[in-house]
């Protein structure tokens, strides 16, 4: 038997609100603009229906949406992420779901939960539910000859589009930087009976070289909340281009090995603004990194941004 939609939507709204307080803390108004609901360009074969939206009093500066998305046979959503938290449930068909970077938790129709880390391709079937956090870059496609119907509850920062393009789907001037980030100072606290929980902040710096040979100092200030080396992180990054500065915010997830001796990092980035030629900059992007030693050691980092409004 199918659950009545009103009850289903109520459960979606409650889960979206609860999840956001865990994963969306730390990302403030970096993505925010107009409070009018917006959406990215609709791919062919994708129908998105707005079933209602509101600004919850207990989630200030955020908007809660209820939506239904229908994906036609052969259609594919563009690579993207959400500037908030989304809970999606498959009500019809089979969706091929690709995690580009980050991690997602899936509750199968039978009730068992699974966690997947990208890059990974998963099949989602009727009754499966997936929680998409701000650090998850992903896309879906319908590789069957029957339509896929998805019901969504989404809590986004005011003014954010329903989906933010990433990777090849993003537009704007590309900025690609790589560097090794070293920890300059940090304040980390270890707690728990088995000493597996660590929280606090870490200040990392490094210097990247652009394609034309310009040195770009990078300053990252991140807060972490880890259990056995894995968990969410958030913070701010400052890129300095001579007399100009570009500032971004990040929201990410760390996945550590079983012995926590190494880890991978993935995050989505949103431009706050800047100075000089970056004073009117907007845009978004991703950060990926790896660490081959204990927490607090050097991180090999790659930043990919798409920028508009750059002088």
Protein backbone atom coordinates (compact mmCIF):
# COMPACT_ATOMS: atom_id res chain seq x y z
CA UNK A 1 0.00 0.00 0.00
CA UNK A 2 1.17 3.54 -0.69
CA UNK A 3 1.49 6.08 2.13
CA UNK A 4 -0.78 9.08 1.76
CA UNK A 5 1.13 11.98 0.22
CA UNK A 6 0.27 14.43 2.99
CA UNK A 7 1.87 12.12 5.56
CA UNK A 8 4.83 11.48 3.28
CA UNK A 9 5.46 15.18 2.78
CA UNK A 10 5.24 15.82 6.52
CA UNK A 11 7.91 13.20 7.15
CA UNK A 12 10.08 14.68 4.42
CA UNK A 13 9.81 18.17 5.90
CA UNK A 14 10.72 16.98 9.39
CA UNK A 15 13.74 15.02 8.14
CA UNK A 16 14.96 17.89 5.97
CA UNK A 17 14.81 20.35 8.86
CA UNK A 18 16.57 17.97 11.26
CA UNK A 19 19.34 17.03 8.82
CA UNK A 20 20.09 20.62 7.91
CA UNK A 21 20.97 21.60 11.48
CA UNK A 22 23.70 18.92 11.38
CA UNK A 23 25.17 19.54 7.95
CA UNK A 24 24.38 23.14 7.02
CA UNK A 25 25.82 24.96 10.06
CA UNK A 26 28.75 27.14 9.09
CA UNK A 27 27.53 28.14 5.62
CA UNK A 28 25.90 31.53 6.00
CA UNK A 29 24.94 33.93 3.22
CA UNK A 30 27.72 33.12 0.78
CA UNK A 31 25.29 31.79 -1.82
CA UNK A 32 22.39 34.04 -0.91
CA UNK A 33 20.88 36.59 -3.25
CA UNK A 34 17.22 37.18 -4.07
CA UNK A 35 14.73 35.27 -1.97
CA UNK A 36 12.64 34.48 -5.07
CA UNK A 37 12.67 30.73 -5.80
CA UNK A 38 14.86 30.01 -8.82
CA UNK A 39 15.95 26.97 -10.77
CA UNK A 40 18.74 26.07 -13.14
CA UNK A 41 18.04 25.50 -16.83
CA UNK A 42 15.76 22.47 -17.14
CA UNK A 43 17.34 19.54 -19.02
CA UNK A 44 15.25 17.97 -21.76
CA UNK A 45 12.88 15.31 -20.44
CA UNK A 46 12.85 16.68 -16.86
CA UNK A 47 9.59 17.98 -15.38
CA UNK A 48 9.81 19.73 -12.00
CA UNK A 49 6.58 20.60 -10.15
CA UNK A 50 6.53 23.02 -7.21
CA UNK A 51 4.11 21.61 -4.64
CA UNK A 52 4.64 24.48 -2.23
CA UNK A 53 7.36 26.39 -0.40
CA UNK A 54 7.69 28.46 2.77
CA UNK A 55 10.20 30.17 5.04
CA UNK A 56 10.02 28.20 8.32
CA UNK A 57 10.19 30.34 11.47
CA UNK A 58 12.50 27.75 13.09
CA UNK A 59 14.91 27.82 10.12
CA UNK A 60 15.69 31.54 9.60
CA UNK A 61 17.09 32.66 6.23
CA UNK A 62 16.14 29.33 4.67
CA UNK A 63 13.32 28.21 2.40
CA UNK A 64 11.61 24.80 2.52
CA UNK A 65 10.35 23.36 -0.78
CA UNK A 66 8.13 20.40 -1.61
CA UNK A 67 8.59 19.21 -5.20
CA UNK A 68 7.89 16.38 -7.59
CA UNK A 69 10.37 15.62 -10.38
CA UNK A 70 9.58 13.36 -13.33
CA UNK A 71 12.49 12.03 -15.39
CA UNK A 72 11.55 10.73 -18.83
CA UNK A 73 13.18 7.60 -20.29
CA UNK A 74 16.68 8.45 -21.50
CA UNK A 75 16.78 11.82 -19.70
CA UNK A 76 19.66 12.94 -17.52
CA UNK A 77 20.00 15.65 -14.88
CA UNK A 78 23.06 17.88 -15.05
CA UNK A 79 25.85 17.52 -12.50
CA UNK A 80 24.95 19.70 -9.50
CA UNK A 81 24.72 20.15 -5.74
CA UNK A 82 22.20 21.77 -3.39
CA UNK A 83 22.89 24.79 -1.19
CA UNK A 84 21.22 23.15 1.77
CA UNK A 85 19.82 19.67 2.42
CA UNK A 86 17.50 17.63 0.24
CA UNK A 87 15.62 14.42 1.01
CA UNK A 88 14.45 12.51 -2.07
CA UNK A 89 12.23 9.42 -2.32
CA UNK A 90 11.70 7.35 -5.45
CA UNK A 91 7.98 6.72 -5.93
CA UNK A 92 8.11 5.24 -9.41
CA UNK A 93 10.78 3.70 -11.66
CA UNK A 94 14.53 3.09 -11.30
CA UNK A 95 16.96 6.03 -11.11
CA UNK A 96 20.65 5.63 -11.92
CA UNK A 97 22.33 7.89 -9.36
CA UNK A 98 25.94 9.06 -9.70
CA UNK A 99 27.88 10.46 -6.75
CA UNK A 100 30.66 12.59 -8.24
CA UNK A 101 32.16 13.57 -4.89
CA UNK A 102 31.04 13.50 -1.28
CA UNK A 103 28.95 10.93 0.55
CA UNK A 104 25.24 10.09 0.69
CA UNK A 105 23.06 7.99 2.99
CA UNK A 106 20.37 5.81 1.41
CA UNK A 107 17.51 4.11 3.24
CA UNK A 108 16.24 1.23 1.16
CA UNK A 109 12.56 0.39 0.86
CA UNK A 110 13.05 -2.46 3.34
CA UNK A 111 14.40 -0.07 6.00
CA UNK A 112 18.14 -0.85 5.91
CA UNK A 113 20.53 2.12 5.58
CA UNK A 114 23.65 2.29 3.42
CA UNK A 115 26.31 4.98 3.06
CA UNK A 116 28.12 5.52 -0.23
CA UNK A 117 31.17 7.67 -1.00
CA UNK A 118 31.93 8.97 -4.49
CA UNK A 119 32.78 8.41 -7.15
CA UNK A 120 30.02 5.80 -7.15
CA UNK A 121 27.03 4.77 -9.29
CA UNK A 122 23.94 3.44 -7.47
CA UNK A 123 20.51 2.21 -8.50
CA UNK A 124 17.59 3.77 -6.61
CA UNK A 125 14.24 2.00 -6.80
CA UNK A 126 10.69 2.66 -5.61
CA UNK A 127 10.62 3.24 -1.87
CA UNK A 128 14.33 4.15 -1.60
CA UNK A 129 15.14 7.45 0.12
CA UNK A 130 18.39 9.41 -0.15
CA UNK A 131 19.68 12.32 1.96
CA UNK A 132 21.71 14.84 -0.06
CA UNK A 133 23.84 17.22 1.97
CA UNK A 134 25.51 20.42 0.86
CA UNK A 135 28.86 18.70 0.28
CA UNK A 136 27.45 16.17 -2.23
CA UNK A 137 28.04 16.65 -5.97
CA UNK A 138 25.82 14.30 -7.96
CA UNK A 139 23.45 13.72 -10.87
CA UNK A 140 20.72 11.27 -11.84
CA UNK A 141 19.64 9.65 -15.08
CA UNK A 142 16.90 7.36 -16.34
CA UNK A 143 18.36 4.48 -18.30
CA UNK A 144 15.09 2.56 -18.48
CA UNK A 145 12.11 2.72 -20.83
CA UNK A 146 9.74 3.86 -18.07
CA UNK A 147 9.52 7.22 -16.33
CA UNK A 148 11.06 7.91 -12.91
CA UNK A 149 9.09 9.97 -10.37
CA UNK A 150 10.82 11.51 -7.35
CA UNK A 151 9.27 13.40 -4.43
CA UNK A 152 11.53 15.92 -2.70
CA UNK A 153 11.75 17.97 0.47
CA UNK A 154 14.47 20.60 0.20
CA UNK A 155 15.69 23.18 2.71
CA UNK A 156 17.87 25.79 1.00
CA UNK A 157 19.53 29.07 1.91
CA UNK A 158 17.31 31.97 0.85
CA UNK A 159 17.91 32.92 -2.78
CA UNK A 160 19.68 29.68 -3.68
CA UNK A 161 18.64 27.93 -6.89
CA UNK A 162 16.91 24.57 -6.57
CA UNK A 163 20.12 23.05 -7.90
CA UNK A 164 23.54 24.63 -8.40
CA UNK A 165 25.44 23.45 -11.52
CA UNK A 166 28.84 21.86 -10.95
CA UNK A 167 31.61 20.40 -13.09
CA UNK A 168 30.92 20.45 -16.82
CA UNK A 169 27.41 21.82 -16.19
CA UNK A 170 28.74 25.01 -14.53
CA UNK A 171 29.23 28.24 -16.47
CA UNK A 172 31.61 31.15 -15.95
CA UNK A 173 35.36 31.68 -16.00
CA UNK A 174 37.18 28.59 -14.69
CA UNK A 175 39.71 28.85 -11.88
CA UNK A 176 41.79 25.73 -11.18
CA UNK A 177 44.34 25.73 -8.36
CA UNK A 178 46.35 22.97 -6.70
CA UNK A 179 48.59 23.16 -3.65
CA UNK A 180 49.74 21.39 -0.50
CA UNK A 181 48.09 22.88 2.59
CA UNK A 182 50.04 22.78 5.83
CA UNK A 183 48.54 23.25 9.28
CA UNK A 184 49.80 26.45 10.94
CA UNK A 185 47.79 26.26 14.13
CA UNK A 186 44.78 24.36 15.38
CA UNK A 187 42.58 23.81 18.42
CA UNK A 188 41.26 20.25 18.51
CA UNK A 189 39.52 18.54 21.41
CA UNK A 190 39.24 14.76 21.76
CA UNK A 191 36.29 13.35 23.71
CA UNK A 192 34.33 10.14 24.27
CA UNK A 193 34.94 7.00 26.30
CA UNK A 194 37.01 5.55 23.46
CA UNK A 195 38.53 8.92 22.43
CA UNK A 196 37.16 8.63 18.89
CA UNK A 197 35.43 12.01 18.67
CA UNK A 198 37.39 15.11 17.68
CA UNK A 199 36.07 18.62 17.19
CA UNK A 200 37.61 22.05 16.79
CA UNK A 201 39.29 24.13 14.12
CA UNK A 202 42.35 23.93 11.92
CA UNK A 203 44.18 26.75 10.12
CA UNK A 204 45.96 25.68 6.93
CA UNK A 205 47.97 27.65 4.38
CA UNK A 206 49.62 26.97 1.04
CA UNK A 207 50.61 28.61 -2.25
CA UNK A 208 49.26 27.66 -5.68
CA UNK A 209 50.66 28.64 -9.08
CA UNK A 210 48.26 29.72 -11.83
CA UNK A 211 48.61 28.68 -15.47
CA UNK A 212 50.35 32.00 -16.23
CA UNK A 213 52.84 31.60 -13.37
CA UNK A 214 51.19 33.81 -10.73
CA UNK A 215 51.67 32.79 -7.09
CA UNK A 216 48.40 32.61 -5.14
CA UNK A 217 48.62 32.33 -1.34
CA UNK A 218 45.73 30.27 0.05
CA UNK A 219 44.46 30.56 3.61
CA UNK A 220 41.91 28.03 4.88
CA UNK A 221 40.16 28.15 8.25
CA UNK A 222 38.04 25.05 8.86
CA UNK A 223 35.98 23.62 11.70
CA UNK A 224 35.63 19.84 12.07
CA UNK A 225 33.34 17.43 13.89
CA UNK A 226 34.80 13.94 13.42
CA UNK A 227 34.08 10.46 14.70
CA UNK A 228 36.92 8.00 14.02
CA UNK A 229 38.40 10.55 11.64
CA UNK A 230 35.28 10.97 9.48
CA UNK A 231 32.57 13.62 9.53
CA UNK A 232 31.49 17.07 8.38
CA UNK A 233 33.66 20.16 8.13
CA UNK A 234 32.99 23.75 7.13
CA UNK A 235 34.85 27.03 6.94
CA UNK A 236 36.31 29.78 4.81
CA UNK A 237 39.07 30.07 2.22
CA UNK A 238 40.88 33.21 1.08
CA UNK A 239 42.77 33.33 -2.24
CA UNK A 240 45.11 36.30 -2.71
CA UNK A 241 45.98 37.39 -6.26
CA UNK A 242 48.46 40.23 -5.77
CA UNK A 243 46.32 43.16 -4.63
CA UNK A 244 43.04 41.30 -5.16
CA UNK A 245 41.31 38.83 -2.83
CA UNK A 246 38.71 36.16 -3.53
CA UNK A 247 36.81 34.79 -0.51
CA UNK A 248 34.74 31.60 -0.49
CA UNK A 249 32.92 29.44 2.01
CA UNK A 250 33.08 25.65 2.09
CA UNK A 251 30.86 22.84 3.32
CA UNK A 252 32.34 19.36 3.19
CA UNK A 253 32.72 15.81 4.35
CA UNK A 254 35.82 13.85 5.40
CA UNK A 255 36.07 10.08 4.98
CA UNK A 256 38.97 8.45 6.84
CA UNK A 257 40.45 4.98 6.62
CA UNK A 258 39.62 2.47 9.35
CA UNK A 259 42.79 3.33 11.26
CA UNK A 260 42.32 7.10 10.52
CA UNK A 261 45.87 7.22 9.10
CA UNK A 262 44.68 8.82 5.87
CA UNK A 263 41.58 10.60 4.64
CA UNK A 264 39.85 12.14 1.64
CA UNK A 265 38.05 15.49 1.68
CA UNK A 266 35.27 16.77 -0.58
CA UNK A 267 33.44 20.08 -0.32
CA UNK A 268 31.30 22.47 -2.28
CA UNK A 269 32.38 26.10 -2.44
CA UNK A 270 30.40 29.33 -2.69
CA UNK A 271 31.87 32.74 -3.46
CA UNK A 272 31.32 35.34 -0.73
CA UNK A 273 32.97 38.19 -2.64
CA UNK A 274 36.36 39.83 -2.82
CA UNK A 275 38.38 42.94 -3.50
CA UNK A 276 39.98 44.46 -6.58
CA UNK A 277 39.09 42.52 -9.73
CA UNK A 278 37.06 40.09 -7.58
CA UNK A 279 34.93 42.74 -5.83
CA UNK A 280 31.80 41.73 -7.77
CA UNK A 281 32.62 38.06 -8.20
CA UNK A 282 29.99 35.35 -7.81
CA UNK A 283 30.17 31.64 -8.43
CA UNK A 284 30.60 28.21 -6.94
CA UNK A 285 32.86 25.19 -7.17
CA UNK A 286 34.39 22.21 -5.45
CA UNK A 287 37.35 21.29 -3.26
CA UNK A 288 38.90 17.83 -3.09
CA UNK A 289 41.87 16.81 -0.99
CA UNK A 290 43.77 13.89 0.46
CA UNK A 291 45.82 13.40 3.60
CA UNK A 292 48.17 10.42 3.94
CA UNK A 293 48.99 10.85 7.63
CA UNK A 294 47.32 11.85 10.91
CA UNK A 295 44.86 14.71 11.42
CA UNK A 296 46.69 18.03 11.26
CA UNK A 297 49.27 16.98 8.65
CA UNK A 298 49.66 18.19 5.04
CA UNK A 299 46.64 18.06 2.71
CA UNK A 300 47.06 17.78 -1.07
CA UNK A 301 44.30 20.12 -2.28
CA UNK A 302 42.59 20.95 -5.57
CA UNK A 303 40.14 23.84 -6.01
CA UNK A 304 37.88 24.20 -9.06
CA UNK A 305 35.67 27.29 -9.31
CA UNK A 306 33.50 28.89 -11.97
CA UNK A 307 33.34 32.68 -11.60
CA UNK A 308 31.26 35.48 -13.03
CA UNK A 309 31.55 39.23 -12.49
CA UNK A 310 35.35 39.20 -12.53
CA UNK A 311 36.90 42.39 -13.86
